[in-house]
Amino acid sequence: MTADMMRDQVRKLRDELSIARRLEWIRRGLYGSEKGAEKLQKGLASAGPQTNYDLNVEVGSDGSVKVIPPLGATNAPAH
């Protein structure tokens, strides 16, 4: 198989993948008049019950994360 034939085959496979993705999006109702992010958020919101974790964190400008314990919490073990 020559390099040109390989390139053509890769191009054809990429095209088929793009078409398959679009068809899946259409089937799921994510492709159309609404913006994709809006549609995805609506889908996630109606996905079911969500757990609400009460977590306080500080995120530094370098990407570091520091968990802040709730007020009244101590690190001492229970006796």
N, C-alpha and C. Protein backbone atom coordinates (compact mmCIF):
# COMPACT_ATOMS: atom_id res chain seq x y z
N MET A 1 0.85 -1.17 0.00
CA MET A 1 0.00 0.00 0.00
C MET A 1 0.90 1.24 0.00
N THR A 2 0.61 2.18 -0.86
CA THR A 2 1.44 3.37 -0.97
C THR A 2 1.00 4.41 0.07
N ALA A 3 1.85 5.40 0.24
CA ALA A 3 1.57 6.47 1.20
C ALA A 3 0.32 7.25 0.80
N ASP A 4 0.13 7.46 -0.49
CA ASP A 4 -1.07 8.17 -0.95
C ASP A 4 -2.34 7.38 -0.63
N MET A 5 -2.27 6.08 -0.80
CA MET A 5 -3.43 5.24 -0.50
C MET A 5 -3.74 5.27 1.00
N MET A 6 -2.68 5.27 1.81
CA MET A 6 -2.87 5.33 3.26
C MET A 6 -3.51 6.65 3.66
N ARG A 7 -3.03 7.76 3.10
CA ARG A 7 -3.60 9.07 3.41
C ARG A 7 -5.08 9.13 3.04
N ASP A 8 -5.40 8.59 1.86
CA ASP A 8 -6.80 8.57 1.42
C ASP A 8 -7.66 7.74 2.38
N GLN A 9 -7.13 6.60 2.83
CA GLN A 9 -7.88 5.76 3.74
C GLN A 9 -8.10 6.46 5.08
N VAL A 10 -7.07 7.14 5.61
CA VAL A 10 -7.18 7.87 6.87
C VAL A 10 -8.20 9.00 6.72
N ARG A 11 -8.15 9.71 5.62
CA ARG A 11 -9.10 10.80 5.36
C ARG A 11 -10.53 10.27 5.33
N LYS A 12 -10.72 9.12 4.66
CA LYS A 12 -12.05 8.52 4.57
C LYS A 12 -12.54 8.10 5.96
N LEU A 13 -11.68 7.51 6.77
CA LEU A 13 -12.07 7.09 8.11
C LEU A 13 -12.42 8.29 8.99
N ARG A 14 -11.65 9.37 8.88
CA ARG A 14 -11.96 10.59 9.65
C ARG A 14 -13.30 11.16 9.25
N ASP A 15 -13.58 11.19 7.95
CA ASP A 15 -14.87 11.69 7.47
C ASP A 15 -16.02 10.84 8.01
N GLU A 16 -15.85 9.52 7.97
CA GLU A 16 -16.89 8.63 8.47
C GLU A 16 -17.11 8.83 9.97
N LEU A 17 -16.02 9.04 10.72
CA LEU A 17 -16.14 9.28 12.15
C LEU A 17 -16.89 10.57 12.43
N SER A 18 -16.58 11.62 11.68
CA SER A 18 -17.28 12.90 11.86
C SER A 18 -18.77 12.76 11.58
N ILE A 19 -19.11 12.04 10.54
CA ILE A 19 -20.51 11.83 10.19
C ILE A 19 -21.21 11.03 11.29
N ALA A 20 -20.54 9.99 11.77
CA ALA A 20 -21.13 9.16 12.82
C ALA A 20 -21.36 9.98 14.09
N ARG A 21 -20.42 10.86 14.44
CA ARG A 21 -20.59 11.72 15.62
C ARG A 21 -21.78 12.64 15.46
N ARG A 22 -21.88 13.28 14.30
CA ARG A 22 -23.01 14.19 14.07
C ARG A 22 -24.34 13.46 14.13
N LEU A 23 -24.39 12.26 13.56
CA LEU A 23 -25.62 11.48 13.62
C LEU A 23 -25.98 11.11 15.05
N GLU A 24 -24.99 10.78 15.85
CA GLU A 24 -25.23 10.46 17.27
C GLU A 24 -25.74 11.71 18.00
N TRP A 25 -25.14 12.86 17.72
CA TRP A 25 -25.58 14.11 18.36
C TRP A 25 -27.03 14.42 17.98
N ILE A 26 -27.36 14.22 16.71
CA ILE A 26 -28.72 14.46 16.25
C ILE A 26 -29.67 13.50 16.96
N ARG A 27 -29.28 12.23 17.06
CA ARG A 27 -30.12 11.23 17.73
C ARG A 27 -30.36 11.61 19.18
N ARG A 28 -29.33 12.15 19.84
CA ARG A 28 -29.44 12.53 21.24
C ARG A 28 -30.06 13.92 21.41
N GLY A 29 -30.31 14.63 20.32
CA GLY A 29 -30.92 15.95 20.40
C GLY A 29 -29.94 17.04 20.78
N LEU A 30 -28.65 16.80 20.55
CA LEU A 30 -27.64 17.79 20.92
C LEU A 30 -27.18 18.64 19.74
N TYR A 31 -27.69 18.37 18.56
CA TYR A 31 -27.25 19.05 17.36
C TYR A 31 -28.45 19.77 16.77
N GLY A 32 -28.39 21.08 16.74
CA GLY A 32 -29.54 21.80 16.18
C GLY A 32 -29.49 23.26 16.50
N SER A 33 -30.66 23.83 16.81
CA SER A 33 -30.79 25.27 16.97
C SER A 33 -30.18 25.79 18.26
N GLU A 34 -30.25 25.00 19.35
CA GLU A 34 -29.67 25.47 20.61
C GLU A 34 -28.17 25.28 20.60
N LYS A 35 -27.50 26.07 21.41
CA LYS A 35 -26.07 25.91 21.55
C LYS A 35 -25.80 24.61 22.28
N GLY A 36 -24.73 23.94 21.91
CA GLY A 36 -24.41 22.63 22.47
C GLY A 36 -24.25 22.65 23.98
N ALA A 37 -23.56 23.66 24.51
CA ALA A 37 -23.32 23.72 25.94
C ALA A 37 -24.64 23.90 26.70
N GLU A 38 -25.53 24.71 26.15
CA GLU A 38 -26.83 24.91 26.80
C GLU A 38 -27.61 23.60 26.83
N LYS A 39 -27.59 22.90 25.73
CA LYS A 39 -28.31 21.64 25.64
C LYS A 39 -27.71 20.60 26.58
N LEU A 40 -26.38 20.54 26.65
CA LEU A 40 -25.73 19.60 27.54
C LEU A 40 -26.05 19.90 28.99
N GLN A 41 -26.05 21.19 29.36
CA GLN A 41 -26.35 21.55 30.74
C GLN A 41 -27.78 21.18 31.10
N LYS A 42 -28.71 21.39 30.20
CA LYS A 42 -30.09 21.00 30.46
C LYS A 42 -30.19 19.50 30.64
N GLY A 43 -29.46 18.76 29.83
CA GLY A 43 -29.48 17.31 29.93
C GLY A 43 -28.90 16.85 31.25
N LEU A 44 -27.82 17.47 31.70
CA LEU A 44 -27.21 17.09 32.96
C LEU A 44 -28.10 17.47 34.14
N ALA A 45 -28.78 18.59 34.04
CA ALA A 45 -29.64 19.04 35.13
C ALA A 45 -30.82 18.10 35.31
N SER A 46 -31.31 17.54 34.23
CA SER A 46 -32.46 16.64 34.33
C SER A 46 -32.03 15.18 34.41
N ALA A 47 -30.76 14.92 34.61
CA ALA A 47 -30.25 13.55 34.63
C ALA A 47 -30.71 12.79 35.87
N GLY A 48 -31.06 13.49 36.92
CA GLY A 48 -31.52 12.79 38.12
C GLY A 48 -31.02 13.51 39.36
N PRO A 49 -31.18 12.87 40.51
CA PRO A 49 -30.76 13.52 41.75
C PRO A 49 -29.25 13.71 41.78
N GLN A 50 -28.85 14.84 42.27
CA GLN A 50 -27.43 15.15 42.38
C GLN A 50 -27.09 15.36 43.85
N THR A 51 -25.93 14.92 44.25
CA THR A 51 -25.48 15.08 45.61
C THR A 51 -24.88 16.46 45.78
N ASN A 52 -25.22 17.13 46.87
CA ASN A 52 -24.71 18.46 47.14
C ASN A 52 -23.64 18.35 48.23
N TYR A 53 -22.39 18.37 47.83
CA TYR A 53 -21.30 18.30 48.79
C TYR A 53 -20.97 19.70 49.28
N ASP A 54 -20.78 19.85 50.56
CA ASP A 54 -20.43 21.13 51.15
C ASP A 54 -18.91 21.13 51.33
N LEU A 55 -18.21 21.62 50.33
CA LEU A 55 -16.76 21.57 50.34
C LEU A 55 -16.22 22.98 50.12
N ASN A 56 -15.35 23.42 51.02
CA ASN A 56 -14.71 24.73 50.88
C ASN A 56 -13.27 24.50 50.46
N VAL A 57 -12.88 25.14 49.38
CA VAL A 57 -11.51 25.01 48.89
C VAL A 57 -10.99 26.37 48.44
N GLU A 58 -9.68 26.49 48.47
CA GLU A 58 -9.00 27.64 47.86
C GLU A 58 -8.22 27.11 46.69
N VAL A 59 -8.37 27.78 45.55
CA VAL A 59 -7.62 27.40 44.36
C VAL A 59 -6.64 28.51 44.07
N GLY A 60 -5.37 28.17 44.09
CA GLY A 60 -4.33 29.16 43.83
C GLY A 60 -4.17 29.44 42.35
N SER A 61 -3.53 30.55 42.04
CA SER A 61 -3.33 30.91 40.63
C SER A 61 -2.42 29.92 39.92
N ASP A 62 -1.65 29.15 40.67
CA ASP A 62 -0.79 28.13 40.05
C ASP A 62 -1.51 26.79 39.91
N GLY A 63 -2.80 26.73 40.30
CA GLY A 63 -3.58 25.51 40.17
C GLY A 63 -3.58 24.67 41.43
N SER A 64 -2.87 25.09 42.46
CA SER A 64 -2.86 24.33 43.70
C SER A 64 -4.20 24.46 44.40
N VAL A 65 -4.57 23.44 45.16
CA VAL A 65 -5.85 23.41 45.84
C VAL A 65 -5.62 23.15 47.32
N LYS A 66 -6.30 23.91 48.17
CA LYS A 66 -6.22 23.74 49.62
C LYS A 66 -7.64 23.58 50.15
N VAL A 67 -7.88 22.45 50.82
CA VAL A 67 -9.19 22.20 51.40
C VAL A 67 -9.28 22.94 52.73
N ILE A 68 -10.36 23.69 52.91
CA ILE A 68 -10.57 24.46 54.14
C ILE A 68 -11.59 23.71 54.99
N PRO A 69 -11.20 23.30 56.20
CA PRO A 69 -12.15 22.56 57.05
C PRO A 69 -13.29 23.46 57.48
N PRO A 70 -14.46 22.87 57.75
CA PRO A 70 -15.60 23.67 58.21
C PRO A 70 -15.32 24.28 59.58
N LEU A 71 -16.02 25.36 59.91
CA LEU A 71 -15.85 26.00 61.19
C LEU A 71 -16.15 25.03 62.33
N GLY A 72 -15.34 25.04 63.35
CA GLY A 72 -15.56 24.16 64.49
C GLY A 72 -14.95 22.79 64.34
N ALA A 73 -14.43 22.49 63.17
CA ALA A 73 -13.81 21.18 62.96
C ALA A 73 -12.39 21.21 63.52
N THR A 74 -12.00 20.12 64.11
CA THR A 74 -10.64 19.99 64.62
C THR A 74 -10.01 18.75 64.05
N ASN A 75 -8.70 18.70 64.12
CA ASN A 75 -7.97 17.54 63.65
C ASN A 75 -7.73 16.54 64.76
N ALA A 76 -8.18 16.83 65.97
CA ALA A 76 -7.96 15.93 67.10
C ALA A 76 -8.85 14.70 66.96
N PRO A 77 -8.30 13.53 67.22
CA PRO A 77 -9.12 12.31 67.13
C PRO A 77 -10.15 12.25 68.25
N ALA A 78 -11.25 11.58 68.01
CA ALA A 78 -12.29 11.43 69.02
C ALA A 78 -11.83 10.46 70.09
N HIS A 79 -12.19 10.71 71.38
CA HIS A 79 -11.76 9.82 72.48
C HIS A 79 -12.79 8.80 72.74
